[in-house]
Structure formats: structure tokens, C-alpha cells
Amino acid sequence: MQTTSTKVQTAFRFEKELIKRLKIKAKKENRSLNNYVETILMDVVYDEPNEETLSAINEVKSGKTLERLNMGNFDEAELFK
């Protein structure tokens, strides 16, 4: 079975101390340095919500379709089964 990778190998130059700290953090999370740095960068680049999430945020902010929950309708025993 052949799989293709969309990843591209590249090189960056970082301060020695930064690499040392990144390696420590990656090890604490049981991840490779590459995976740890890639995840951090993905979080930075893809931090904008998608259209569905934006729509939900705007709906809540508008207050038009909000309903009040009647907490009396919840049976505690049912919630913790």
C-alpha cells in the first residue's frame, strides 16, 4: 500500500536555548520535536473559526434564538448514570 505525504521537508535556524526548551516540552508530552513544533505552528496558523462556528457565535451574540433552560427538568440521578 502506497501512501503519499503532503509534508515538505524544510530547515529553520533557531536559538540553541529555544531548541533545548522545545525538546523538554515535547518530551513531557511524549511527542517528537517535529510533531510538537508542527502542532504549535498549526495552532497559530489555524486559529480562526470556520463559517459554521462563526455563524453559531453570531447567533448567540444576537440573543434572538436563545432559550432558557428549566433546570427542574433535569433529574440528577439520570445525569450521573
N, C-alpha and C. Protein backbone atom coordinates (compact mmCIF):
# COMPACT_ATOMS: atom_id res chain seq x y z
N MET A 1 0.83 -1.17 0.00
CA MET A 1 0.00 0.00 0.00
C MET A 1 0.88 1.24 0.00
N GLN A 2 0.69 2.09 -0.97
CA GLN A 2 1.49 3.29 -1.07
C GLN A 2 0.70 4.48 -0.53
N THR A 3 1.32 5.24 0.33
CA THR A 3 0.68 6.45 0.83
C THR A 3 1.53 7.64 0.42
N THR A 4 0.87 8.74 0.16
CA THR A 4 1.61 9.94 -0.20
C THR A 4 1.55 10.92 0.97
N SER A 5 2.61 11.63 1.14
CA SER A 5 2.69 12.61 2.21
C SER A 5 2.61 14.00 1.62
N THR A 6 1.85 14.85 2.26
CA THR A 6 1.76 16.23 1.80
C THR A 6 2.76 17.11 2.55
N LYS A 7 3.58 16.50 3.35
CA LYS A 7 4.56 17.25 4.13
C LYS A 7 5.79 17.54 3.30
N VAL A 8 6.38 18.68 3.57
CA VAL A 8 7.58 19.11 2.86
C VAL A 8 8.69 19.29 3.88
N GLN A 9 9.84 18.74 3.57
CA GLN A 9 10.97 18.89 4.47
C GLN A 9 11.57 20.28 4.28
N THR A 10 11.85 20.94 5.39
CA THR A 10 12.43 22.28 5.33
C THR A 10 13.39 22.46 6.50
N ALA A 11 14.08 23.55 6.51
CA ALA A 11 15.03 23.79 7.60
C ALA A 11 14.85 25.21 8.12
N PHE A 12 14.97 25.35 9.42
CA PHE A 12 14.93 26.64 10.10
C PHE A 12 16.14 26.73 11.01
N ARG A 13 16.52 27.95 11.33
CA ARG A 13 17.59 28.15 12.32
C ARG A 13 16.97 28.79 13.55
N PHE A 14 17.15 28.14 14.69
CA PHE A 14 16.62 28.62 15.95
C PHE A 14 17.75 28.74 16.96
N GLU A 15 17.53 29.57 17.95
CA GLU A 15 18.49 29.70 19.04
C GLU A 15 18.62 28.35 19.75
N LYS A 16 19.82 28.06 20.20
CA LYS A 16 20.11 26.80 20.87
C LYS A 16 19.21 26.61 22.10
N GLU A 17 19.04 27.66 22.89
CA GLU A 17 18.21 27.59 24.10
C GLU A 17 16.75 27.30 23.76
N LEU A 18 16.26 27.88 22.67
CA LEU A 18 14.88 27.64 22.25
C LEU A 18 14.68 26.16 21.91
N ILE A 19 15.60 25.60 21.15
CA ILE A 19 15.51 24.18 20.79
C ILE A 19 15.54 23.32 22.05
N LYS A 20 16.41 23.66 22.98
CA LYS A 20 16.51 22.91 24.23
C LYS A 20 15.17 22.90 24.96
N ARG A 21 14.55 24.08 25.06
CA ARG A 21 13.26 24.18 25.76
C ARG A 21 12.14 23.45 25.02
N LEU A 22 12.16 23.56 23.70
CA LEU A 22 11.15 22.85 22.91
C LEU A 22 11.27 21.34 23.07
N LYS A 23 12.51 20.85 23.10
CA LYS A 23 12.72 19.41 23.29
C LYS A 23 12.20 18.95 24.65
N ILE A 24 12.41 19.75 25.68
CA ILE A 24 11.93 19.41 27.02
C ILE A 24 10.41 19.34 27.02
N LYS A 25 9.77 20.35 26.43
CA LYS A 25 8.31 20.37 26.40
C LYS A 25 7.75 19.20 25.57
N ALA A 26 8.39 18.91 24.45
CA ALA A 26 7.95 17.81 23.60
C ALA A 26 8.06 16.48 24.35
N LYS A 27 9.15 16.30 25.07
CA LYS A 27 9.36 15.06 25.83
C LYS A 27 8.29 14.90 26.91
N LYS A 28 7.93 16.01 27.58
CA LYS A 28 6.90 15.96 28.62
C LYS A 28 5.56 15.50 28.05
N GLU A 29 5.32 15.82 26.79
CA GLU A 29 4.06 15.42 26.14
C GLU A 29 4.22 14.13 25.33
N ASN A 30 5.38 13.48 25.49
CA ASN A 30 5.66 12.23 24.80
C ASN A 30 5.49 12.37 23.27
N ARG A 31 6.06 13.46 22.74
CA ARG A 31 5.96 13.73 21.32
C ARG A 31 7.35 14.01 20.76
N SER A 32 7.47 13.86 19.47
CA SER A 32 8.73 14.21 18.82
C SER A 32 8.83 15.73 18.75
N LEU A 33 10.05 16.21 18.62
CA LEU A 33 10.25 17.65 18.48
C LEU A 33 9.51 18.15 17.24
N ASN A 34 9.62 17.43 16.15
CA ASN A 34 8.96 17.82 14.92
C ASN A 34 7.45 17.93 15.12
N ASN A 35 6.84 16.92 15.72
CA ASN A 35 5.40 16.92 15.93
C ASN A 35 4.98 18.05 16.87
N TYR A 36 5.76 18.27 17.89
CA TYR A 36 5.44 19.32 18.86
C TYR A 36 5.47 20.70 18.20
N VAL A 37 6.52 20.99 17.44
CA VAL A 37 6.64 22.29 16.78
C VAL A 37 5.57 22.45 15.71
N GLU A 38 5.30 21.38 14.96
CA GLU A 38 4.26 21.44 13.93
C GLU A 38 2.90 21.75 14.55
N THR A 39 2.60 21.15 15.68
CA THR A 39 1.32 21.38 16.36
C THR A 39 1.21 22.83 16.83
N ILE A 40 2.29 23.36 17.39
CA ILE A 40 2.29 24.76 17.82
C ILE A 40 2.03 25.68 16.63
N LEU A 41 2.70 25.43 15.54
CA LEU A 41 2.54 26.26 14.36
C LEU A 41 1.14 26.14 13.77
N MET A 42 0.58 24.94 13.77
CA MET A 42 -0.79 24.74 13.28
C MET A 42 -1.78 25.53 14.12
N ASP A 43 -1.59 25.54 15.44
CA ASP A 43 -2.46 26.30 16.32
C ASP A 43 -2.42 27.79 15.99
N VAL A 44 -1.26 28.29 15.65
CA VAL A 44 -1.11 29.72 15.33
C VAL A 44 -1.75 30.04 13.98
N VAL A 45 -1.52 29.19 13.00
CA VAL A 45 -1.99 29.46 11.64
C VAL A 45 -3.49 29.23 11.49
N TYR A 46 -4.01 28.22 12.16
CA TYR A 46 -5.42 27.87 12.00
C TYR A 46 -6.24 28.26 13.23
N ASP A 47 -6.04 29.46 13.74
CA ASP A 47 -6.76 29.88 14.94
C ASP A 47 -8.07 30.59 14.64
N GLU A 48 -8.42 30.76 13.37
CA GLU A 48 -9.66 31.42 13.01
C GLU A 48 -10.79 30.40 12.93
N PRO A 49 -11.95 30.72 13.51
CA PRO A 49 -13.08 29.78 13.44
C PRO A 49 -13.62 29.66 12.01
N ASN A 50 -14.17 28.47 11.71
CA ASN A 50 -14.75 28.26 10.39
C ASN A 50 -16.12 28.94 10.29
N GLU A 51 -16.75 28.88 9.13
CA GLU A 51 -18.03 29.59 8.90
C GLU A 51 -19.13 29.10 9.84
N GLU A 52 -19.20 27.80 10.07
CA GLU A 52 -20.25 27.25 10.94
C GLU A 52 -20.08 27.78 12.37
N THR A 53 -18.85 27.80 12.84
CA THR A 53 -18.58 28.30 14.19
C THR A 53 -18.87 29.79 14.28
N LEU A 54 -18.45 30.55 13.26
CA LEU A 54 -18.75 31.99 13.24
C LEU A 54 -20.24 32.25 13.27
N SER A 55 -20.99 31.46 12.53
CA SER A 55 -22.45 31.59 12.50
C SER A 55 -23.04 31.33 13.88
N ALA A 56 -22.56 30.29 14.55
CA ALA A 56 -23.05 29.96 15.90
C ALA A 56 -22.70 31.06 16.89
N ILE A 57 -21.50 31.60 16.78
CA ILE A 57 -21.08 32.70 17.67
C ILE A 57 -21.98 33.91 17.47
N ASN A 58 -22.23 34.27 16.22
CA ASN A 58 -23.09 35.42 15.92
C ASN A 58 -24.52 35.19 16.39
N GLU A 59 -25.00 33.96 16.28
CA GLU A 59 -26.35 33.64 16.73
C GLU A 59 -26.47 33.84 18.24
N VAL A 60 -25.49 33.38 18.98
CA VAL A 60 -25.50 33.54 20.42
C VAL A 60 -25.40 35.01 20.81
N LYS A 61 -24.52 35.73 20.13
CA LYS A 61 -24.35 37.16 20.43
C LYS A 61 -25.63 37.95 20.17
N SER A 62 -26.38 37.56 19.16
CA SER A 62 -27.61 38.28 18.82
C SER A 62 -28.69 38.08 19.86
N GLY A 63 -28.69 36.92 20.52
CA GLY A 63 -29.68 36.62 21.55
C GLY A 63 -31.06 36.29 21.02
N LYS A 64 -31.21 36.23 19.71
CA LYS A 64 -32.53 36.02 19.10
C LYS A 64 -33.09 34.63 19.34
N THR A 65 -32.26 33.62 19.31
CA THR A 65 -32.78 32.24 19.39
C THR A 65 -32.43 31.57 20.71
N LEU A 66 -32.08 32.36 21.70
CA LEU A 66 -31.73 31.77 22.99
C LEU A 66 -32.98 31.33 23.74
N GLU A 67 -32.88 30.20 24.40
CA GLU A 67 -33.97 29.70 25.23
C GLU A 67 -33.45 29.56 26.64
N ARG A 68 -34.34 29.69 27.60
CA ARG A 68 -33.97 29.47 28.99
C ARG A 68 -34.14 27.99 29.31
N LEU A 69 -33.17 27.44 29.98
CA LEU A 69 -33.27 26.05 30.42
C LEU A 69 -33.99 26.00 31.76
N ASN A 70 -34.94 25.10 31.87
CA ASN A 70 -35.62 24.87 33.13
C ASN A 70 -34.86 23.75 33.82
N MET A 71 -34.03 24.13 34.79
CA MET A 71 -33.19 23.14 35.46
C MET A 71 -34.01 22.12 36.23
N GLY A 72 -35.28 22.43 36.50
CA GLY A 72 -36.15 21.48 37.17
C GLY A 72 -36.46 20.27 36.31
N ASN A 73 -36.20 20.38 35.03
CA ASN A 73 -36.46 19.26 34.11
C ASN A 73 -35.37 18.20 34.15
N PHE A 74 -34.29 18.49 34.83
CA PHE A 74 -33.17 17.55 34.89
C PHE A 74 -33.24 16.76 36.18
N ASP A 75 -33.15 15.46 36.04
CA ASP A 75 -33.13 14.58 37.21
C ASP A 75 -31.67 14.26 37.49
N GLU A 76 -31.18 14.68 38.66
CA GLU A 76 -29.76 14.46 38.99
C GLU A 76 -29.36 13.00 38.86
N ALA A 77 -30.24 12.11 39.26
CA ALA A 77 -29.91 10.69 39.21
C ALA A 77 -29.68 10.26 37.75
N GLU A 78 -30.40 10.83 36.81
CA GLU A 78 -30.24 10.48 35.40
C GLU A 78 -28.93 11.03 34.84
N LEU A 79 -28.50 12.19 35.34
CA LEU A 79 -27.29 12.82 34.81
C LEU A 79 -26.03 12.04 35.16
N PHE A 80 -26.03 11.34 36.26
CA PHE A 80 -24.81 10.69 36.73
C PHE A 80 -24.84 9.17 36.61
N LYS A 81 -25.60 8.65 35.69
CA LYS A 81 -25.65 7.19 35.49
C LYS A 81 -24.48 6.74 34.67
